[in-house]
Amino acid sequence: QLQASGGGLVQAGESLRLSCTASRNTNAFFMAWYRQAPGQQRQMVASISPGGHLNYADSVKGRFTISRNNARNSVYLEMNSLKPEDTAVYYCNTARGSMMYWGQGTLVTVSS
């Protein structure tokens, strides 16, 4: 089970930090953040491998930073310089082989 938190309503240019904690050990799992805007498909925002390799969607490079704390089975998403187009429900995800788990989603709304 994944529990995400940290969403909210902010103005353009402001920052938010999302957190997600798993109920099991995720040290060997890929961890990622996805988002889904109204009427759009869910898309990957950022991922971090067990070894710390990072991957970002082009739309968030230079603004968002993903990190993980293996001792806490947690993944974080630091979002800076937020834009109205970042408005979406953000989901955390963990995956290893055929296993994949999703969090419940947290809403981020960025006003212009």
N, C-alpha and C. Protein backbone atom coordinates (compact mmCIF):
# COMPACT_ATOMS: atom_id res chain seq x y z
N GLN A 1 0.85 -1.19 0.00
CA GLN A 1 0.00 0.00 0.00
C GLN A 1 0.89 1.24 0.00
N LEU A 2 0.50 2.21 -0.82
CA LEU A 2 1.24 3.46 -0.93
C LEU A 2 0.36 4.60 -0.46
N GLN A 3 0.89 5.46 0.35
CA GLN A 3 0.16 6.60 0.87
C GLN A 3 0.86 7.88 0.42
N ALA A 4 0.18 8.64 -0.42
CA ALA A 4 0.74 9.88 -0.95
C ALA A 4 0.14 11.08 -0.24
N SER A 5 0.93 12.13 -0.15
CA SER A 5 0.45 13.37 0.47
C SER A 5 1.23 14.55 -0.07
N GLY A 6 0.76 15.74 0.22
CA GLY A 6 1.50 16.95 -0.13
C GLY A 6 0.88 17.80 -1.21
N GLY A 7 -0.19 17.33 -1.83
CA GLY A 7 -0.82 18.13 -2.87
C GLY A 7 -1.52 19.34 -2.28
N GLY A 8 -1.96 20.23 -3.16
CA GLY A 8 -2.65 21.41 -2.70
C GLY A 8 -2.83 22.42 -3.81
N LEU A 9 -3.28 23.60 -3.42
CA LEU A 9 -3.51 24.70 -4.36
C LEU A 9 -2.41 25.74 -4.17
N VAL A 10 -1.70 26.03 -5.25
CA VAL A 10 -0.64 27.03 -5.20
C VAL A 10 -0.77 27.94 -6.41
N GLN A 11 -0.06 29.05 -6.35
CA GLN A 11 -0.01 29.95 -7.50
C GLN A 11 1.18 29.60 -8.39
N ALA A 12 1.09 30.00 -9.63
CA ALA A 12 2.19 29.76 -10.57
C ALA A 12 3.48 30.35 -10.01
N GLY A 13 4.56 29.58 -10.15
CA GLY A 13 5.86 30.01 -9.66
C GLY A 13 6.19 29.49 -8.27
N GLU A 14 5.19 29.00 -7.57
CA GLU A 14 5.43 28.49 -6.22
C GLU A 14 5.88 27.02 -6.26
N SER A 15 6.10 26.48 -5.06
CA SER A 15 6.64 25.13 -4.94
C SER A 15 5.74 24.24 -4.08
N LEU A 16 5.86 22.95 -4.31
CA LEU A 16 5.21 21.93 -3.48
C LEU A 16 6.13 20.73 -3.38
N ARG A 17 5.97 19.99 -2.29
CA ARG A 17 6.73 18.75 -2.10
C ARG A 17 5.76 17.62 -1.84
N LEU A 18 5.77 16.64 -2.72
CA LEU A 18 4.93 15.46 -2.55
C LEU A 18 5.72 14.36 -1.86
N SER A 19 5.03 13.60 -1.04
CA SER A 19 5.64 12.48 -0.34
C SER A 19 4.79 11.23 -0.54
N CYS A 20 5.45 10.10 -0.55
CA CYS A 20 4.74 8.83 -0.68
C CYS A 20 5.50 7.78 0.12
N THR A 21 4.78 7.09 0.98
CA THR A 21 5.39 6.07 1.82
C THR A 21 4.71 4.74 1.58
N ALA A 22 5.53 3.71 1.44
CA ALA A 22 5.04 2.36 1.20
C ALA A 22 4.97 1.59 2.51
N SER A 23 4.06 0.63 2.52
CA SER A 23 3.88 -0.19 3.72
C SER A 23 4.82 -1.39 3.73
N ARG A 24 5.58 -1.54 2.64
CA ARG A 24 6.54 -2.65 2.56
C ARG A 24 7.90 -2.11 2.17
N ASN A 25 8.91 -2.96 2.25
CA ASN A 25 10.26 -2.58 1.85
C ASN A 25 10.31 -2.37 0.35
N THR A 26 10.78 -1.21 -0.06
CA THR A 26 10.83 -0.88 -1.49
C THR A 26 12.25 -0.65 -1.97
N ASN A 27 13.24 -1.09 -1.21
CA ASN A 27 14.62 -0.82 -1.58
C ASN A 27 14.98 -1.34 -2.97
N ALA A 28 14.39 -2.44 -3.37
CA ALA A 28 14.72 -3.05 -4.66
C ALA A 28 13.74 -2.66 -5.76
N PHE A 29 12.86 -1.73 -5.48
CA PHE A 29 11.83 -1.32 -6.41
C PHE A 29 12.17 0.00 -7.11
N PHE A 30 11.79 0.10 -8.38
CA PHE A 30 11.73 1.40 -9.01
C PHE A 30 10.60 2.18 -8.34
N MET A 31 10.82 3.46 -8.18
CA MET A 31 9.79 4.31 -7.62
C MET A 31 9.58 5.49 -8.57
N ALA A 32 8.35 5.92 -8.70
CA ALA A 32 8.06 6.95 -9.70
C ALA A 32 6.86 7.77 -9.31
N TRP A 33 6.74 8.90 -9.93
CA TRP A 33 5.56 9.75 -9.86
C TRP A 33 4.96 9.86 -11.25
N TYR A 34 3.66 9.69 -11.32
CA TYR A 34 2.90 9.89 -12.54
C TYR A 34 1.88 11.00 -12.26
N ARG A 35 1.32 11.53 -13.32
CA ARG A 35 0.23 12.49 -13.15
C ARG A 35 -0.80 12.31 -14.25
N GLN A 36 -2.01 12.71 -13.91
CA GLN A 36 -3.11 12.61 -14.86
C GLN A 36 -3.94 13.88 -14.76
N ALA A 37 -3.93 14.63 -15.84
CA ALA A 37 -4.74 15.83 -15.91
C ALA A 37 -6.12 15.47 -16.44
N PRO A 38 -7.14 16.30 -16.20
CA PRO A 38 -8.49 15.99 -16.67
C PRO A 38 -8.52 15.76 -18.18
N GLY A 39 -9.11 14.65 -18.57
CA GLY A 39 -9.26 14.35 -19.98
C GLY A 39 -8.00 13.83 -20.66
N GLN A 40 -6.95 13.62 -19.88
CA GLN A 40 -5.69 13.15 -20.46
C GLN A 40 -5.28 11.82 -19.86
N GLN A 41 -4.36 11.16 -20.54
CA GLN A 41 -3.85 9.90 -20.05
C GLN A 41 -2.83 10.13 -18.93
N ARG A 42 -2.70 9.13 -18.09
CA ARG A 42 -1.68 9.19 -17.04
C ARG A 42 -0.31 9.12 -17.69
N GLN A 43 0.60 9.97 -17.22
CA GLN A 43 1.94 9.99 -17.80
C GLN A 43 3.00 10.04 -16.70
N MET A 44 4.13 9.46 -16.99
CA MET A 44 5.22 9.45 -16.04
C MET A 44 5.83 10.83 -15.92
N VAL A 45 6.07 11.26 -14.70
CA VAL A 45 6.69 12.55 -14.44
C VAL A 45 8.17 12.38 -14.12
N ALA A 46 8.46 11.43 -13.22
CA ALA A 46 9.84 11.22 -12.80
C ALA A 46 9.95 9.83 -12.19
N SER A 47 11.13 9.23 -12.33
CA SER A 47 11.36 7.92 -11.74
C SER A 47 12.77 7.86 -11.16
N ILE A 48 12.93 6.94 -10.22
CA ILE A 48 14.25 6.73 -9.61
C ILE A 48 14.43 5.23 -9.41
N SER A 49 15.54 4.72 -9.89
CA SER A 49 15.81 3.29 -9.79
C SER A 49 16.33 2.93 -8.40
N PRO A 50 16.41 1.64 -8.10
CA PRO A 50 16.98 1.25 -6.80
C PRO A 50 18.40 1.78 -6.60
N GLY A 51 19.12 1.93 -7.71
CA GLY A 51 20.49 2.43 -7.62
C GLY A 51 20.60 3.94 -7.67
N GLY A 52 19.45 4.62 -7.81
CA GLY A 52 19.46 6.08 -7.80
C GLY A 52 19.47 6.73 -9.16
N HIS A 53 19.33 5.95 -10.24
CA HIS A 53 19.27 6.55 -11.58
C HIS A 53 17.96 7.31 -11.74
N LEU A 54 18.07 8.54 -12.25
CA LEU A 54 16.91 9.41 -12.36
C LEU A 54 16.45 9.55 -13.80
N ASN A 55 15.15 9.73 -13.95
CA ASN A 55 14.58 9.96 -15.27
C ASN A 55 13.42 10.92 -15.12
N TYR A 56 13.34 11.91 -16.01
CA TYR A 56 12.30 12.93 -15.93
C TYR A 56 11.62 13.12 -17.27
N ALA A 57 10.35 13.46 -17.21
CA ALA A 57 9.66 13.91 -18.41
C ALA A 57 10.25 15.25 -18.83
N ASP A 58 10.31 15.48 -20.14
CA ASP A 58 10.90 16.72 -20.64
C ASP A 58 10.21 17.95 -20.05
N SER A 59 8.92 17.85 -19.82
CA SER A 59 8.15 19.01 -19.37
C SER A 59 8.49 19.45 -17.95
N VAL A 60 9.19 18.61 -17.19
CA VAL A 60 9.49 18.97 -15.80
C VAL A 60 10.99 19.04 -15.52
N LYS A 61 11.80 18.74 -16.51
CA LYS A 61 13.25 18.77 -16.31
C LYS A 61 13.70 20.17 -15.86
N GLY A 62 14.54 20.20 -14.84
CA GLY A 62 15.03 21.47 -14.32
C GLY A 62 14.12 22.11 -13.29
N ARG A 63 12.91 21.60 -13.14
CA ARG A 63 11.96 22.16 -12.17
C ARG A 63 11.60 21.17 -11.07
N PHE A 64 11.52 19.89 -11.42
CA PHE A 64 11.12 18.87 -10.45
C PHE A 64 12.33 18.01 -10.09
N THR A 65 12.35 17.53 -8.85
CA THR A 65 13.41 16.64 -8.39
C THR A 65 12.79 15.48 -7.63
N ILE A 66 13.11 14.27 -8.07
CA ILE A 66 12.64 13.08 -7.38
C ILE A 66 13.77 12.56 -6.49
N SER A 67 13.40 12.04 -5.33
CA SER A 67 14.38 11.45 -4.42
C SER A 67 13.69 10.34 -3.65
N ARG A 68 14.51 9.52 -3.00
CA ARG A 68 13.95 8.42 -2.23
C ARG A 68 14.72 8.28 -0.92
N ASN A 69 14.03 7.73 0.07
CA ASN A 69 14.65 7.41 1.35
C ASN A 69 14.34 5.95 1.62
N ASN A 70 15.31 5.10 1.37
CA ASN A 70 15.07 3.66 1.49
C ASN A 70 14.79 3.25 2.94
N ALA A 71 15.36 3.94 3.88
CA ALA A 71 15.12 3.61 5.29
C ALA A 71 13.66 3.84 5.67
N ARG A 72 13.03 4.76 4.96
CA ARG A 72 11.61 5.09 5.24
C ARG A 72 10.67 4.55 4.17
N ASN A 73 11.21 3.80 3.20
CA ASN A 73 10.38 3.26 2.11
C ASN A 73 9.56 4.38 1.46
N SER A 74 10.22 5.49 1.22
CA SER A 74 9.52 6.68 0.75
C SER A 74 10.15 7.24 -0.52
N VAL A 75 9.31 7.92 -1.27
CA VAL A 75 9.74 8.65 -2.45
C VAL A 75 9.14 10.04 -2.38
N TYR A 76 9.90 11.01 -2.89
CA TYR A 76 9.48 12.41 -2.79
C TYR A 76 9.56 13.05 -4.17
N LEU A 77 8.77 14.11 -4.35
CA LEU A 77 8.84 14.89 -5.57
C LEU A 77 8.82 16.36 -5.17
N GLU A 78 9.96 17.01 -5.34
CA GLU A 78 10.07 18.44 -5.09
C GLU A 78 9.72 19.14 -6.39
N MET A 79 8.70 19.98 -6.35
CA MET A 79 8.22 20.65 -7.55
C MET A 79 8.39 22.16 -7.38
N ASN A 80 9.23 22.73 -8.20
CA ASN A 80 9.49 24.17 -8.16
C ASN A 80 9.00 24.84 -9.44
N SER A 81 8.86 26.15 -9.38
CA SER A 81 8.43 26.92 -10.54
C SER A 81 7.20 26.30 -11.19
N LEU A 82 6.22 26.00 -10.39
CA LEU A 82 5.03 25.32 -10.89
C LEU A 82 4.28 26.18 -11.89
N LYS A 83 3.69 25.50 -12.86
CA LYS A 83 2.93 26.16 -13.93
C LYS A 83 1.50 25.64 -13.91
N PRO A 84 0.57 26.40 -14.45
CA PRO A 84 -0.82 25.92 -14.50
C PRO A 84 -0.94 24.56 -15.20
N GLU A 85 -0.10 24.30 -16.18
CA GLU A 85 -0.16 23.02 -16.88
C GLU A 85 0.34 21.85 -16.04
N ASP A 86 0.87 22.12 -14.86
CA ASP A 86 1.25 21.04 -13.94
C ASP A 86 0.05 20.56 -13.13
N THR A 87 -1.08 21.22 -13.28
CA THR A 87 -2.28 20.82 -12.56
C THR A 87 -2.70 19.41 -12.95
N ALA A 88 -2.83 18.54 -11.96
CA ALA A 88 -3.16 17.14 -12.21
C ALA A 88 -3.29 16.41 -10.88
N VAL A 89 -3.78 15.19 -10.97
CA VAL A 89 -3.68 14.28 -9.83
C VAL A 89 -2.36 13.54 -9.97
N TYR A 90 -1.57 13.57 -8.94
CA TYR A 90 -0.25 12.93 -8.95
C TYR A 90 -0.33 11.61 -8.19
N TYR A 91 0.23 10.58 -8.82
CA TYR A 91 0.21 9.23 -8.26
C TYR A 91 1.64 8.74 -8.05
N CYS A 92 1.90 8.14 -6.92
CA CYS A 92 3.18 7.48 -6.75
C CYS A 92 3.04 6.02 -7.17
N ASN A 93 4.15 5.45 -7.54
CA ASN A 93 4.17 4.12 -8.13
C ASN A 93 5.45 3.42 -7.73
N THR A 94 5.35 2.13 -7.45
CA THR A 94 6.54 1.32 -7.24
C THR A 94 6.42 0.08 -8.12
N ALA A 95 7.53 -0.38 -8.62
CA ALA A 95 7.50 -1.51 -9.54
C ALA A 95 8.78 -2.32 -9.43
N ARG A 96 8.61 -3.64 -9.58
CA ARG A 96 9.75 -4.54 -9.64
C ARG A 96 9.29 -5.77 -10.39
N GLY A 97 9.88 -5.99 -11.55
CA GLY A 97 9.46 -7.11 -12.36
C GLY A 97 7.99 -6.97 -12.73
N SER A 98 7.20 -8.00 -12.42
CA SER A 98 5.78 -7.98 -12.75
C SER A 98 4.93 -7.32 -11.66
N MET A 99 5.55 -6.91 -10.58
CA MET A 99 4.80 -6.29 -9.48
C MET A 99 4.76 -4.78 -9.68
N MET A 100 3.59 -4.21 -9.52
CA MET A 100 3.42 -2.77 -9.62
C MET A 100 2.32 -2.35 -8.66
N TYR A 101 2.58 -1.26 -7.96
CA TYR A 101 1.62 -0.76 -6.98
C TYR A 101 1.45 0.74 -7.18
N TRP A 102 0.20 1.19 -6.96
CA TRP A 102 -0.14 2.60 -7.12
C TRP A 102 -0.64 3.18 -5.80
N GLY A 103 -0.32 4.43 -5.58
CA GLY A 103 -0.91 5.17 -4.48
C GLY A 103 -2.26 5.71 -4.88
N GLN A 104 -2.91 6.39 -3.95
CA GLN A 104 -4.28 6.83 -4.18
C GLN A 104 -4.38 8.14 -4.92
N GLY A 105 -3.28 8.84 -5.12
CA GLY A 105 -3.30 10.10 -5.84
C GLY A 105 -3.48 11.29 -4.91
N THR A 106 -2.80 12.36 -5.27
CA THR A 106 -2.94 13.62 -4.54
C THR A 106 -3.06 14.75 -5.55
N LEU A 107 -4.02 15.63 -5.34
CA LEU A 107 -4.34 16.67 -6.33
C LEU A 107 -3.43 17.88 -6.16
N VAL A 108 -2.85 18.29 -7.27
CA VAL A 108 -2.05 19.51 -7.33
C VAL A 108 -2.76 20.46 -8.28
N THR A 109 -3.07 21.64 -7.79
CA THR A 109 -3.72 22.65 -8.60
C THR A 109 -2.87 23.90 -8.59
N VAL A 110 -2.51 24.37 -9.79
CA VAL A 110 -1.68 25.56 -9.92
C VAL A 110 -2.49 26.64 -10.62
N SER A 111 -2.71 27.72 -9.92
CA SER A 111 -3.49 28.82 -10.49
C SER A 111 -2.57 29.83 -11.15
N SER A 112 -3.09 30.47 -12.19
CA SER A 112 -2.27 31.45 -12.94
C SER A 112 -2.39 32.84 -12.34
